[in-house]
Amino acid sequence: MTQRDSPLPSRHADSAASRPGGDPQGATRHAPLPSEDLLRGRRMVEIAHNGEVYRLQATRLGKLILTK
């Protein structure tokens, strides 16, 4: 089992998707994807989504910013 496949506790354990009947579309929950997997040592990556390009940036304080 890889780190990505391993079940991780969610910070949002009380989110709508974790409560019975709270996920109206029945979406399957997956383990969170570590930001390191997306950034791979870079401070900024561009993500293509639905024909748009988004920019994911890591700040010096360790925060993430997603902009269009």
C-alpha atoms as a PDB file:
ATOM      1  CA  MET A   1       0.000   0.000   0.000  1.00  0.00           C
ATOM      2  CA  THR A   2       1.414   3.404  -0.955  1.00  0.00           C
ATOM      3  CA  GLN A   3       1.244   6.521   1.185  1.00  0.00           C
ATOM      4  CA  ARG A   4      -1.428   7.942  -1.137  1.00  0.00           C
ATOM      5  CA  ASP A   5      -3.585   4.800  -0.757  1.00  0.00           C
ATOM      6  CA  SER A   6      -3.331   4.688   3.009  1.00  0.00           C
ATOM      7  CA  PRO A   7      -6.356   5.968   4.923  1.00  0.00           C
ATOM      8  CA  LEU A   8      -5.633   9.246   6.650  1.00  0.00           C
ATOM      9  CA  PRO A   9      -7.783  10.930   9.272  1.00  0.00           C
ATOM     10  CA  SER A  10      -9.608  13.910   7.892  1.00  0.00           C
ATOM     11  CA  ARG A  11      -9.305  17.329   9.479  1.00  0.00           C
ATOM     12  CA  HIS A  12     -12.898  17.854   8.426  1.00  0.00           C
ATOM     13  CA  ALA A  13     -14.397  14.857  10.193  1.00  0.00           C
ATOM     14  CA  ASP A  14     -17.638  16.761  10.716  1.00  0.00           C
ATOM     15  CA  SER A  15     -18.027  17.761   7.062  1.00  0.00           C
ATOM     16  CA  ALA A  16     -21.294  17.044   5.255  1.00  0.00           C
ATOM     17  CA  ALA A  17     -19.711  14.139   3.369  1.00  0.00           C
ATOM     18  CA  SER A  18     -18.785  12.360   6.612  1.00  0.00           C
ATOM     19  CA  ARG A  19     -22.281  12.484   8.124  1.00  0.00           C
ATOM     20  CA  PRO A  20     -24.936   9.921   7.193  1.00  0.00           C
ATOM     21  CA  GLY A  21     -27.097  11.343   4.436  1.00  0.00           C
ATOM     22  CA  GLY A  22     -24.831  14.380   4.193  1.00  0.00           C
ATOM     23  CA  ASP A  23     -23.364  13.503   0.788  1.00  0.00           C
ATOM     24  CA  PRO A  24     -26.291  13.821  -1.625  1.00  0.00           C
ATOM     25  CA  GLN A  25     -24.349  12.533  -4.640  1.00  0.00           C
ATOM     26  CA  GLY A  26     -22.762   9.540  -2.865  1.00  0.00           C
ATOM     27  CA  ALA A  27     -19.210  10.557  -3.826  1.00  0.00           C
ATOM     28  CA  THR A  28     -16.443   8.264  -2.657  1.00  0.00           C
ATOM     29  CA  ARG A  29     -14.048   9.872  -0.172  1.00  0.00           C
ATOM     30  CA  HIS A  30     -10.355   9.553  -0.960  1.00  0.00           C
ATOM     31  CA  ALA A  31      -7.330  10.198   1.212  1.00  0.00           C
ATOM     32  CA  PRO A  32      -6.070  13.798   0.960  1.00  0.00           C
ATOM     33  CA  LEU A  33      -3.375  14.363  -1.644  1.00  0.00           C
ATOM     34  CA  PRO A  34      -0.254  15.831  -0.007  1.00  0.00           C
ATOM     35  CA  SER A  35       0.647  19.262  -1.400  1.00  0.00           C
ATOM     36  CA  GLU A  36       4.208  17.992  -1.883  1.00  0.00           C
ATOM     37  CA  ASP A  37       2.861  15.600  -4.532  1.00  0.00           C
ATOM     38  CA  LEU A  38       1.464  18.552  -6.485  1.00  0.00           C
ATOM     39  CA  LEU A  39       4.284  21.029  -5.984  1.00  0.00           C
ATOM     40  CA  ARG A  40       7.246  18.566  -6.224  1.00  0.00           C
ATOM     41  CA  GLY A  41       9.729  21.029  -4.720  1.00  0.00           C
ATOM     42  CA  ARG A  42       8.420  24.062  -6.618  1.00  0.00           C
ATOM     43  CA  ARG A  43       6.711  27.117  -5.120  1.00  0.00           C
ATOM     44  CA  MET A  44       4.112  27.380  -7.913  1.00  0.00           C
ATOM     45  CA  VAL A  45       2.352  25.006 -10.316  1.00  0.00           C
ATOM     46  CA  GLU A  46      -0.267  25.650 -12.961  1.00  0.00           C
ATOM     47  CA  ILE A  47      -3.294  23.361 -13.033  1.00  0.00           C
ATOM     48  CA  ALA A  48      -5.536  22.991 -16.087  1.00  0.00           C
ATOM     49  CA  HIS A  49      -9.188  22.414 -15.124  1.00  0.00           C
ATOM     50  CA  ASN A  50     -12.267  22.619 -17.362  1.00  0.00           C
ATOM     51  CA  GLY A  51     -10.464  24.697 -19.979  1.00  0.00           C
ATOM     52  CA  GLU A  52      -9.126  27.191 -17.422  1.00  0.00           C
ATOM     53  CA  VAL A  53      -5.630  27.498 -15.941  1.00  0.00           C
ATOM     54  CA  TYR A  54      -5.271  27.907 -12.180  1.00  0.00           C
ATOM     55  CA  ARG A  55      -2.101  28.718 -10.243  1.00  0.00           C
ATOM     56  CA  LEU A  56      -1.355  26.969  -6.943  1.00  0.00           C
ATOM     57  CA  GLN A  57       1.312  28.787  -4.916  1.00  0.00           C
ATOM     58  CA  ALA A  58       3.017  27.949  -1.622  1.00  0.00           C
ATOM     59  CA  THR A  59       3.818  31.015   0.497  1.00  0.00           C
ATOM     60  CA  ARG A  60       6.884  31.508   2.674  1.00  0.00           C
ATOM     61  CA  LEU A  61       4.636  30.936   5.688  1.00  0.00           C
ATOM     62  CA  GLY A  62       3.554  27.522   4.418  1.00  0.00           C
ATOM     63  CA  LYS A  63       0.067  28.561   3.232  1.00  0.00           C
ATOM     64  CA  LEU A  64      -1.425  27.648  -0.156  1.00  0.00           C
ATOM     65  CA  ILE A  65      -3.035  30.129  -2.543  1.00  0.00           C
ATOM     66  CA  LEU A  66      -5.130  29.026  -5.532  1.00  0.00           C
ATOM     67  CA  THR A  67      -5.834  31.723  -8.134  1.00  0.00           C
ATOM     68  CA  LYS A  68      -7.409  31.754 -11.571  1.00  0.00           C
END
